[in-house]
């Protein structure tokens, strides 16, 4: 991973449930990321898993979420 790339991690199932209920959305409403994306290759992603992307900002960091397709 390159120093400028944001950190990518897989969410556990209970974290996914909390995320979806917090924003009152379904899994299908999350933005998508390809299983073949090189940035998540080492995470060994499975279809339907949620990836958390931690991007650094001037104020700290922001979290973004993607579902693997």
Protein backbone atom coordinates (compact mmCIF):
# COMPACT_ATOMS: atom_id res chain seq x y z
CA UNK A 1 0.00 0.00 0.00
CA UNK A 2 1.23 3.48 -0.88
CA UNK A 3 1.47 6.15 1.83
CA UNK A 4 -1.04 8.37 -0.02
CA UNK A 5 -3.68 5.64 -0.31
CA UNK A 6 -6.45 5.72 2.30
CA UNK A 7 -6.71 2.81 4.74
CA UNK A 8 -9.16 0.08 3.67
CA UNK A 9 -10.61 -2.44 6.14
CA UNK A 10 -13.40 -5.03 6.07
CA UNK A 11 -16.29 -4.50 8.47
CA UNK A 12 -17.54 -7.35 10.63
CA UNK A 13 -21.18 -8.39 10.24
CA UNK A 14 -22.31 -6.68 13.46
CA UNK A 15 -20.61 -3.45 12.33
CA UNK A 16 -22.47 -3.65 9.01
CA UNK A 17 -25.80 -4.02 10.81
CA UNK A 18 -25.02 -0.94 12.97
CA UNK A 19 -23.97 1.08 9.91
CA UNK A 20 -27.13 0.24 7.96
CA UNK A 21 -29.41 1.00 10.90
CA UNK A 22 -27.58 4.25 11.71
CA UNK A 23 -28.21 5.63 8.22
CA UNK A 24 -31.50 3.75 7.70
CA UNK A 25 -30.36 2.27 4.39
CA UNK A 26 -30.03 -1.14 2.79
CA UNK A 27 -26.85 -2.80 1.57
CA UNK A 28 -27.88 -2.15 -2.04
CA UNK A 29 -27.87 1.61 -1.40
CA UNK A 30 -24.18 1.75 -0.51
CA UNK A 31 -21.69 2.77 -3.21
CA UNK A 32 -19.98 -0.18 -4.89
CA UNK A 33 -16.36 -1.37 -5.18
CA UNK A 34 -15.21 -4.17 -7.44
CA UNK A 35 -13.88 -7.39 -5.94
CA UNK A 36 -11.07 -7.10 -8.51
CA UNK A 37 -9.98 -3.63 -7.31
CA UNK A 38 -6.23 -3.86 -6.58
CA UNK A 39 -6.48 -1.75 -3.41
CA UNK A 40 -8.61 -4.37 -1.63
CA UNK A 41 -7.00 -7.47 -3.16
CA UNK A 42 -5.06 -8.31 0.03
CA UNK A 43 -8.29 -8.15 2.10
CA UNK A 44 -9.61 -11.21 0.22
CA UNK A 45 -13.06 -9.62 -0.19
CA UNK A 46 -16.21 -11.65 -0.74
CA UNK A 47 -19.32 -10.46 -2.55
CA UNK A 48 -21.60 -8.42 -0.30
CA UNK A 49 -18.95 -7.50 2.29
CA UNK A 50 -18.57 -3.86 3.29
CA UNK A 51 -15.24 -2.04 3.05
CA UNK A 52 -14.49 0.96 5.26
CA UNK A 53 -12.24 3.61 3.71
CA UNK A 54 -10.58 6.03 6.13
CA UNK A 55 -9.55 9.24 4.36
CA UNK A 56 -7.50 11.88 6.13
CA UNK A 57 -8.77 15.46 6.02
CA UNK A 58 -7.57 18.77 7.42
CA UNK A 59 -9.94 18.29 10.40
CA UNK A 60 -8.98 14.67 11.10
CA UNK A 61 -10.42 11.81 9.07
CA UNK A 62 -13.66 10.77 7.38
CA UNK A 63 -15.02 7.28 6.84
CA UNK A 64 -16.53 6.11 3.58
CA UNK A 65 -18.16 2.74 2.96
CA UNK A 66 -18.39 0.55 -0.14
CA UNK A 67 -20.06 -2.80 -0.75
CA UNK A 68 -18.08 -5.40 -2.71
CA UNK A 69 -19.58 -6.47 -6.05
